[in-house]
């Protein structure tokens, strides 16, 4: 519970921030050990270092975040701000770590590259609604494959993750956000709920990504994969629209 309420989204002085401080203080006064590992090595104390409550507990010597953990924690609130205007669902993404758009496309069967009017919103393009068309965009840290109108992007995870990993999500308008993770060409986790509390069997990376996501499913996927786009273009105005060939459709 503390791990969720002390997330980076809490602002000093707001009600959630004050509640988190009171909860943490009470637990500490009752003798609870905030540095006891609970979630694949994460403790409430270490997670507090990733958020806005790093001064809540006395910090033992050697208890610090790694540079990579610090970067993931800091990325969450920044990405939440970038994508705060995305209020619709029905889209899908595959957030691929460490690959460029060109390298990603080389792992897929591409039928054609589609040229569109850059000034026309995606929902007014003639291609909108076509199942086998996805957008591909280079972003810092890797590549985003996206389909703003459907679920197709999550179905390429295995094809593009040889030697790397990716977090995919379909924002299902009927049943909510559905996440899955692929590593080295295999789907290793599915039926995930990005943006919510981690599961008991979550990995350390999943725990931190969930904590840093500010409750935003798309941000959760991006943080997990180490991607840091500076605009919503990767979802709405990709570098390229491509039609997938029969093997990937």
C-alpha atoms as a PDB file:
ATOM      1  CA  UNK A   1       0.000   0.000   0.000  1.00  0.00           C
ATOM      2  CA  UNK A   2       2.778   2.422   0.886  1.00  0.00           C
ATOM      3  CA  UNK A   3       4.508   1.569  -2.383  1.00  0.00           C
ATOM      4  CA  UNK A   4       1.489   2.767  -4.339  1.00  0.00           C
ATOM      5  CA  UNK A   5       0.689   5.875  -2.307  1.00  0.00           C
ATOM      6  CA  UNK A   6       4.226   7.232  -2.315  1.00  0.00           C
ATOM      7  CA  UNK A   7       4.546   7.398  -6.094  1.00  0.00           C
ATOM      8  CA  UNK A   8       6.350  10.154  -7.976  1.00  0.00           C
ATOM      9  CA  UNK A   9       2.996  11.763  -8.828  1.00  0.00           C
ATOM     10  CA  UNK A  10       2.446  12.889  -5.228  1.00  0.00           C
ATOM     11  CA  UNK A  11       2.926  16.599  -4.712  1.00  0.00           C
ATOM     12  CA  UNK A  12       4.076  18.015  -1.391  1.00  0.00           C
ATOM     13  CA  UNK A  13       1.138  19.382   0.541  1.00  0.00           C
ATOM     14  CA  UNK A  14      -1.664  17.589  -1.295  1.00  0.00           C
ATOM     15  CA  UNK A  15      -3.962  15.170   0.529  1.00  0.00           C
ATOM     16  CA  UNK A  16      -2.387  11.983  -0.876  1.00  0.00           C
ATOM     17  CA  UNK A  17       1.110  13.218  -0.035  1.00  0.00           C
ATOM     18  CA  UNK A  18       0.055  14.023   3.546  1.00  0.00           C
ATOM     19  CA  UNK A  19      -1.693  10.645   3.922  1.00  0.00           C
ATOM     20  CA  UNK A  20       1.379   8.808   2.655  1.00  0.00           C
ATOM     21  CA  UNK A  21       3.595  10.626   5.141  1.00  0.00           C
ATOM     22  CA  UNK A  22       1.218   9.844   8.023  1.00  0.00           C
ATOM     23  CA  UNK A  23       0.967   6.188   7.011  1.00  0.00           C
ATOM     24  CA  UNK A  24       4.716   5.808   6.694  1.00  0.00           C
ATOM     25  CA  UNK A  25       5.353   7.562   9.985  1.00  0.00           C
ATOM     26  CA  UNK A  26       2.861   5.377  11.850  1.00  0.00           C
ATOM     27  CA  UNK A  27       4.354   2.188  10.418  1.00  0.00           C
ATOM     28  CA  UNK A  28       7.844   3.290  11.376  1.00  0.00           C
ATOM     29  CA  UNK A  29       6.722   4.206  14.921  1.00  0.00           C
ATOM     30  CA  UNK A  30       5.149   0.751  15.290  1.00  0.00           C
ATOM     31  CA  UNK A  31       8.499  -0.817  14.531  1.00  0.00           C
ATOM     32  CA  UNK A  32       7.927  -1.846  10.928  1.00  0.00           C
ATOM     33  CA  UNK A  33      11.161  -2.157   8.979  1.00  0.00           C
ATOM     34  CA  UNK A  34      10.778   0.047   5.871  1.00  0.00           C
ATOM     35  CA  UNK A  35      13.927  -1.434   4.363  1.00  0.00           C
ATOM     36  CA  UNK A  36      12.741  -5.017   4.423  1.00  0.00           C
ATOM     37  CA  UNK A  37      12.668  -6.307   0.809  1.00  0.00           C
ATOM     38  CA  UNK A  38       9.116  -7.166  -0.176  1.00  0.00           C
ATOM     39  CA  UNK A  39       8.767  -7.050  -3.969  1.00  0.00           C
ATOM     40  CA  UNK A  40      11.646  -8.725  -5.807  1.00  0.00           C
ATOM     41  CA  UNK A  41      14.185  -6.754  -3.808  1.00  0.00           C
ATOM     42  CA  UNK A  42      12.191  -3.547  -3.457  1.00  0.00           C
ATOM     43  CA  UNK A  43      11.276  -2.271  -0.013  1.00  0.00           C
ATOM     44  CA  UNK A  44       8.987   0.642   0.863  1.00  0.00           C
ATOM     45  CA  UNK A  45      12.088   2.561   1.874  1.00  0.00           C
ATOM     46  CA  UNK A  46      13.856   2.104  -1.452  1.00  0.00           C
ATOM     47  CA  UNK A  47      10.671   2.957  -3.349  1.00  0.00           C
ATOM     48  CA  UNK A  48      10.335   6.137  -1.297  1.00  0.00           C
ATOM     49  CA  UNK A  49      13.719   7.171  -2.707  1.00  0.00           C
ATOM     50  CA  UNK A  50      12.199   6.914  -6.174  1.00  0.00           C
ATOM     51  CA  UNK A  51       9.358   9.270  -5.283  1.00  0.00           C
ATOM     52  CA  UNK A  52       8.764  12.410  -3.301  1.00  0.00           C
ATOM     53  CA  UNK A  53       9.176  10.936   0.187  1.00  0.00           C
ATOM     54  CA  UNK A  54      12.871  10.200   0.301  1.00  0.00           C
ATOM     55  CA  UNK A  55      13.141  11.944   3.667  1.00  0.00           C
ATOM     56  CA  UNK A  56      10.382   9.885   5.309  1.00  0.00           C
ATOM     57  CA  UNK A  57      12.688   7.224   6.724  1.00  0.00           C
ATOM     58  CA  UNK A  58      16.204   7.304   8.058  1.00  0.00           C
ATOM     59  CA  UNK A  59      18.291   6.054   5.176  1.00  0.00           C
ATOM     60  CA  UNK A  60      20.826   3.344   6.028  1.00  0.00           C
ATOM     61  CA  UNK A  61      24.277   3.581   4.559  1.00  0.00           C
ATOM     62  CA  UNK A  62      24.404   2.104   1.078  1.00  0.00           C
ATOM     63  CA  UNK A  63      20.677   2.434   0.391  1.00  0.00           C
ATOM     64  CA  UNK A  64      20.569   4.351  -2.882  1.00  0.00           C
ATOM     65  CA  UNK A  65      19.040   3.995  -6.311  1.00  0.00           C
ATOM     66  CA  UNK A  66      21.241   3.028  -9.209  1.00  0.00           C
ATOM     67  CA  UNK A  67      21.585   5.508 -12.039  1.00  0.00           C
ATOM     68  CA  UNK A  68      19.278   3.381 -14.173  1.00  0.00           C
ATOM     69  CA  UNK A  69      16.635   3.193 -11.440  1.00  0.00           C
ATOM     70  CA  UNK A  70      16.838   6.951 -10.905  1.00  0.00           C
ATOM     71  CA  UNK A  71      16.326   7.546 -14.628  1.00  0.00           C
ATOM     72  CA  UNK A  72      13.261   5.278 -14.706  1.00  0.00           C
ATOM     73  CA  UNK A  73      11.761   6.960 -11.638  1.00  0.00           C
ATOM     74  CA  UNK A  74      12.324  10.452 -13.026  1.00  0.00           C
ATOM     75  CA  UNK A  75      10.936   9.547 -16.447  1.00  0.00           C
ATOM     76  CA  UNK A  76       7.497   8.616 -15.114  1.00  0.00           C
ATOM     77  CA  UNK A  77       6.179  12.052 -14.116  1.00  0.00           C
ATOM     78  CA  UNK A  78       7.731  13.644 -17.202  1.00  0.00           C
ATOM     79  CA  UNK A  79       6.053  11.154 -19.529  1.00  0.00           C
ATOM     80  CA  UNK A  80       2.760  11.516 -17.657  1.00  0.00           C
ATOM     81  CA  UNK A  81       2.858  15.221 -18.474  1.00  0.00           C
ATOM     82  CA  UNK A  82       3.649  14.565 -22.149  1.00  0.00           C
ATOM     83  CA  UNK A  83       0.741  12.133 -22.569  1.00  0.00           C
ATOM     84  CA  UNK A  84      -1.740  13.882 -20.262  1.00  0.00           C
ATOM     85  CA  UNK A  85      -3.837  14.919 -23.264  1.00  0.00           C
ATOM     86  CA  UNK A  86      -4.476  11.345 -24.444  1.00  0.00           C
ATOM     87  CA  UNK A  87      -8.035  10.867 -23.238  1.00  0.00           C
ATOM     88  CA  UNK A  88      -9.218   8.203 -25.703  1.00  0.00           C
ATOM     89  CA  UNK A  89      -8.808   4.440 -25.725  1.00  0.00           C
ATOM     90  CA  UNK A  90      -8.934   1.748 -28.414  1.00  0.00           C
ATOM     91  CA  UNK A  91      -5.231   2.155 -29.308  1.00  0.00           C
ATOM     92  CA  UNK A  92      -2.321  -0.236 -29.011  1.00  0.00           C
ATOM     93  CA  UNK A  93       1.434   0.184 -28.627  1.00  0.00           C
ATOM     94  CA  UNK A  94       4.554  -1.943 -28.584  1.00  0.00           C
ATOM     95  CA  UNK A  95       7.397  -0.199 -26.734  1.00  0.00           C
ATOM     96  CA  UNK A  96      10.594  -1.846 -27.965  1.00  0.00           C
ATOM     97  CA  UNK A  97      13.835  -1.332 -26.053  1.00  0.00           C
ATOM     98  CA  UNK A  98      17.100  -0.565 -27.787  1.00  0.00           C
ATOM     99  CA  UNK A  99      16.052  -0.844 -31.450  1.00  0.00           C
ATOM    100  CA  UNK A 100      15.686   1.900 -34.042  1.00  0.00           C
ATOM    101  CA  UNK A 101      12.639   2.099 -36.277  1.00  0.00           C
ATOM    102  CA  UNK A 102      14.698   0.788 -39.205  1.00  0.00           C
ATOM    103  CA  UNK A 103      15.995  -2.173 -37.192  1.00  0.00           C
ATOM    104  CA  UNK A 104      12.476  -2.922 -36.026  1.00  0.00           C
ATOM    105  CA  UNK A 105      11.051  -2.837 -39.547  1.00  0.00           C
ATOM    106  CA  UNK A 106      13.771  -5.214 -40.704  1.00  0.00           C
ATOM    107  CA  UNK A 107      12.290  -7.803 -38.345  1.00  0.00           C
ATOM    108  CA  UNK A 108       8.807  -7.436 -39.827  1.00  0.00           C
ATOM    109  CA  UNK A 109       7.303  -8.207 -43.207  1.00  0.00           C
ATOM    110  CA  UNK A 110       6.418  -4.786 -44.611  1.00  0.00           C
ATOM    111  CA  UNK A 111       4.061  -4.709 -47.560  1.00  0.00           C
ATOM    112  CA  UNK A 112       4.362  -0.981 -48.210  1.00  0.00           C
ATOM    113  CA  UNK A 113       5.239   2.330 -46.634  1.00  0.00           C
ATOM    114  CA  UNK A 114       2.265   4.674 -46.743  1.00  0.00           C
ATOM    115  CA  UNK A 115       2.620   8.411 -47.331  1.00  0.00           C
ATOM    116  CA  UNK A 116       0.012  10.609 -45.643  1.00  0.00           C
ATOM    117  CA  UNK A 117      -0.634  14.319 -45.239  1.00  0.00           C
ATOM    118  CA  UNK A 118       1.288  15.395 -42.156  1.00  0.00           C
ATOM    119  CA  UNK A 119      -1.330  18.032 -41.399  1.00  0.00           C
ATOM    120  CA  UNK A 120      -4.265  15.610 -41.287  1.00  0.00           C
ATOM    121  CA  UNK A 121      -5.137  14.031 -37.911  1.00  0.00           C
ATOM    122  CA  UNK A 122      -4.843  10.240 -37.882  1.00  0.00           C
ATOM    123  CA  UNK A 123      -8.588   9.802 -37.338  1.00  0.00           C
ATOM    124  CA  UNK A 124      -9.285  11.660 -40.597  1.00  0.00           C
ATOM    125  CA  UNK A 125      -6.805   9.687 -42.694  1.00  0.00           C
ATOM    126  CA  UNK A 126      -8.146   7.162 -45.189  1.00  0.00           C
ATOM    127  CA  UNK A 127      -5.992   4.487 -43.555  1.00  0.00           C
ATOM    128  CA  UNK A 128      -7.772   4.879 -40.199  1.00  0.00           C
ATOM    129  CA  UNK A 129      -9.371   1.610 -39.202  1.00  0.00           C
ATOM    130  CA  UNK A 130      -7.266  -0.631 -41.436  1.00  0.00           C
ATOM    131  CA  UNK A 131      -6.188  -3.602 -39.346  1.00  0.00           C
ATOM    132  CA  UNK A 132      -2.789  -4.264 -40.944  1.00  0.00           C
ATOM    133  CA  UNK A 133      -1.403  -0.695 -40.780  1.00  0.00           C
ATOM    134  CA  UNK A 134       0.760   0.484 -37.873  1.00  0.00           C
ATOM    135  CA  UNK A 135       2.945   3.484 -37.170  1.00  0.00           C
ATOM    136  CA  UNK A 136       6.645   3.190 -36.308  1.00  0.00           C
ATOM    137  CA  UNK A 137       8.662   5.922 -34.588  1.00  0.00           C
ATOM    138  CA  UNK A 138      12.198   6.373 -33.281  1.00  0.00           C
ATOM    139  CA  UNK A 139      12.242   7.687 -29.704  1.00  0.00           C
ATOM    140  CA  UNK A 140      15.043   8.057 -27.151  1.00  0.00           C
ATOM    141  CA  UNK A 141      15.762   4.563 -25.848  1.00  0.00           C
ATOM    142  CA  UNK A 142      14.206   2.572 -28.669  1.00  0.00           C
ATOM    143  CA  UNK A 143      11.159   2.471 -30.880  1.00  0.00           C
ATOM    144  CA  UNK A 144       7.373   2.683 -30.561  1.00  0.00           C
ATOM    145  CA  UNK A 145       5.025   0.710 -32.799  1.00  0.00           C
ATOM    146  CA  UNK A 146       1.498   2.048 -32.524  1.00  0.00           C
ATOM    147  CA  UNK A 147      -1.989   1.713 -33.940  1.00  0.00           C
ATOM    148  CA  UNK A 148      -4.242   4.514 -32.672  1.00  0.00           C
ATOM    149  CA  UNK A 149      -7.441   2.745 -33.736  1.00  0.00           C
ATOM    150  CA  UNK A 150      -6.922  -0.915 -32.865  1.00  0.00           C
ATOM    151  CA  UNK A 151      -5.061  -3.770 -31.206  1.00  0.00           C
ATOM    152  CA  UNK A 152      -2.619  -4.723 -33.992  1.00  0.00           C
ATOM    153  CA  UNK A 153       0.575  -3.297 -32.462  1.00  0.00           C
ATOM    154  CA  UNK A 154       0.679  -5.775 -29.572  1.00  0.00           C
ATOM    155  CA  UNK A 155       0.735  -8.712 -31.974  1.00  0.00           C
ATOM    156  CA  UNK A 156       4.252  -7.968 -33.261  1.00  0.00           C
ATOM    157  CA  UNK A 157       6.020  -8.293 -29.906  1.00  0.00           C
ATOM    158  CA  UNK A 158       7.549 -11.710 -30.512  1.00  0.00           C
ATOM    159  CA  UNK A 159       8.698 -10.788 -34.016  1.00  0.00           C
ATOM    160  CA  UNK A 160      10.660  -7.694 -32.933  1.00  0.00           C
ATOM    161  CA  UNK A 161      12.219  -8.733 -29.620  1.00  0.00           C
ATOM    162  CA  UNK A 162      15.056 -11.097 -30.546  1.00  0.00           C
ATOM    163  CA  UNK A 163      17.901 -10.009 -28.256  1.00  0.00           C
ATOM    164  CA  UNK A 164      15.804  -7.366 -26.520  1.00  0.00           C
ATOM    165  CA  UNK A 165      12.437  -6.864 -24.795  1.00  0.00           C
ATOM    166  CA  UNK A 166       9.216  -4.910 -25.198  1.00  0.00           C
ATOM    167  CA  UNK A 167       6.068  -4.018 -23.301  1.00  0.00           C
ATOM    168  CA  UNK A 168       2.885  -4.009 -25.355  1.00  0.00           C
ATOM    169  CA  UNK A 169      -0.555  -2.720 -24.443  1.00  0.00           C
ATOM    170  CA  UNK A 170      -4.020  -2.560 -25.948  1.00  0.00           C
ATOM    171  CA  UNK A 171      -6.277   0.089 -24.415  1.00  0.00           C
ATOM    172  CA  UNK A 172      -9.381  -2.066 -24.715  1.00  0.00           C
ATOM    173  CA  UNK A 173     -12.470   0.172 -24.577  1.00  0.00           C
ATOM    174  CA  UNK A 174     -14.565  -2.708 -23.216  1.00  0.00           C
ATOM    175  CA  UNK A 175     -12.389  -4.381 -20.603  1.00  0.00           C
ATOM    176  CA  UNK A 176      -9.602  -1.918 -19.842  1.00  0.00           C
ATOM    177  CA  UNK A 177      -5.880  -1.762 -20.519  1.00  0.00           C
ATOM    178  CA  UNK A 178      -4.327  -5.132 -21.366  1.00  0.00           C
ATOM    179  CA  UNK A 179      -0.564  -5.508 -21.182  1.00  0.00           C
ATOM    180  CA  UNK A 180       1.969  -8.138 -22.167  1.00  0.00           C
ATOM    181  CA  UNK A 181       5.752  -8.445 -22.112  1.00  0.00           C
ATOM    182  CA  UNK A 182       7.988 -10.196 -24.622  1.00  0.00           C
ATOM    183  CA  UNK A 183      11.677 -11.032 -24.250  1.00  0.00           C
ATOM    184  CA  UNK A 184      14.023 -12.464 -26.823  1.00  0.00           C
ATOM    185  CA  UNK A 185      11.254 -13.434 -29.215  1.00  0.00           C
ATOM    186  CA  UNK A 186       8.943 -14.997 -26.602  1.00  0.00           C
ATOM    187  CA  UNK A 187       5.933 -13.660 -24.792  1.00  0.00           C
ATOM    188  CA  UNK A 188       6.810 -14.081 -21.116  1.00  0.00           C
ATOM    189  CA  UNK A 189       3.914 -12.281 -19.399  1.00  0.00           C
ATOM    190  CA  UNK A 190       0.355 -11.460 -20.419  1.00  0.00           C
ATOM    191  CA  UNK A 191      -2.947 -10.336 -18.938  1.00  0.00           C
ATOM    192  CA  UNK A 192      -1.107  -7.502 -17.193  1.00  0.00           C
ATOM    193  CA  UNK A 193      -2.720  -4.279 -15.997  1.00  0.00           C
ATOM    194  CA  UNK A 194      -0.211  -1.465 -16.552  1.00  0.00           C
ATOM    195  CA  UNK A 195      -0.646   1.593 -14.385  1.00  0.00           C
ATOM    196  CA  UNK A 196      -2.000  -0.406 -11.434  1.00  0.00           C
ATOM    197  CA  UNK A 197      -0.326  -2.061  -8.462  1.00  0.00           C
ATOM    198  CA  UNK A 198       2.257  -4.708  -9.396  1.00  0.00           C
ATOM    199  CA  UNK A 199       1.353  -8.365  -8.998  1.00  0.00           C
ATOM    200  CA  UNK A 200       2.964 -10.516  -6.288  1.00  0.00           C
ATOM    201  CA  UNK A 201       5.191 -12.164  -8.915  1.00  0.00           C
ATOM    202  CA  UNK A 202       6.224  -8.912 -10.596  1.00  0.00           C
ATOM    203  CA  UNK A 203       9.899  -8.424 -11.379  1.00  0.00           C
ATOM    204  CA  UNK A 204      11.913  -5.562  -9.923  1.00  0.00           C
ATOM    205  CA  UNK A 205      11.642  -3.707 -13.223  1.00  0.00           C
ATOM    206  CA  UNK A 206       7.850  -4.112 -13.267  1.00  0.00           C
ATOM    207  CA  UNK A 207       7.579  -2.853  -9.676  1.00  0.00           C
ATOM    208  CA  UNK A 208       9.548   0.327 -10.394  1.00  0.00           C
ATOM    209  CA  UNK A 209       7.767   0.980 -13.695  1.00  0.00           C
ATOM    210  CA  UNK A 210       4.392   0.617 -11.988  1.00  0.00           C
ATOM    211  CA  UNK A 211       5.453   2.887  -9.151  1.00  0.00           C
ATOM    212  CA  UNK A 212       6.803   5.538 -11.512  1.00  0.00           C
ATOM    213  CA  UNK A 213       3.867   5.452 -13.932  1.00  0.00           C
ATOM    214  CA  UNK A 214       1.659   7.953 -12.072  1.00  0.00           C
ATOM    215  CA  UNK A 215      -1.218   5.539 -12.642  1.00  0.00           C
ATOM    216  CA  UNK A 216      -0.968   5.912 -16.426  1.00  0.00           C
ATOM    217  CA  UNK A 217      -0.944   2.657 -18.419  1.00  0.00           C
ATOM    218  CA  UNK A 218       0.908   4.044 -21.445  1.00  0.00           C
ATOM    219  CA  UNK A 219       3.535   5.655 -19.214  1.00  0.00           C
ATOM    220  CA  UNK A 220       3.984   2.306 -17.459  1.00  0.00           C
ATOM    221  CA  UNK A 221       4.821   0.641 -20.787  1.00  0.00           C
ATOM    222  CA  UNK A 222       7.263   3.370 -21.796  1.00  0.00           C
ATOM    223  CA  UNK A 223       9.072   3.489 -18.448  1.00  0.00           C
ATOM    224  CA  UNK A 224       9.411  -0.294 -18.361  1.00  0.00           C
ATOM    225  CA  UNK A 225      11.038  -0.303 -21.795  1.00  0.00           C
ATOM    226  CA  UNK A 226      13.266   2.691 -21.077  1.00  0.00           C
ATOM    227  CA  UNK A 227      11.694   4.871 -23.772  1.00  0.00           C
ATOM    228  CA  UNK A 228      11.316   8.630 -23.387  1.00  0.00           C
ATOM    229  CA  UNK A 229       9.423  10.323 -26.232  1.00  0.00           C
ATOM    230  CA  UNK A 230       9.051  14.081 -25.865  1.00  0.00           C
ATOM    231  CA  UNK A 231       5.693  14.309 -27.639  1.00  0.00           C
ATOM    232  CA  UNK A 232       2.627  12.229 -28.508  1.00  0.00           C
ATOM    233  CA  UNK A 233       3.801  11.904 -32.119  1.00  0.00           C
ATOM    234  CA  UNK A 234       4.812   8.271 -31.597  1.00  0.00           C
ATOM    235  CA  UNK A 235       1.122   7.484 -31.131  1.00  0.00           C
ATOM    236  CA  UNK A 236      -0.552  10.078 -33.340  1.00  0.00           C
ATOM    237  CA  UNK A 237       1.997  11.217 -35.966  1.00  0.00           C
ATOM    238  CA  UNK A 238       4.543   8.403 -36.364  1.00  0.00           C
ATOM    239  CA  UNK A 239       7.728   8.604 -38.410  1.00  0.00           C
ATOM    240  CA  UNK A 240       6.205   6.135 -40.877  1.00  0.00           C
ATOM    241  CA  UNK A 241       2.951   4.297 -41.489  1.00  0.00           C
ATOM    242  CA  UNK A 242       3.526   0.799 -42.825  1.00  0.00           C
ATOM    243  CA  UNK A 243       1.284  -1.981 -44.028  1.00  0.00           C
ATOM    244  CA  UNK A 244       2.334  -5.301 -42.540  1.00  0.00           C
ATOM    245  CA  UNK A 245       2.709  -8.240 -44.872  1.00  0.00           C
ATOM    246  CA  UNK A 246       0.917 -11.588 -44.547  1.00  0.00           C
ATOM    247  CA  UNK A 247       3.417 -13.065 -42.072  1.00  0.00           C
ATOM    248  CA  UNK A 248       2.795 -10.329 -39.506  1.00  0.00           C
ATOM    249  CA  UNK A 249      -0.912  -9.707 -40.165  1.00  0.00           C
END
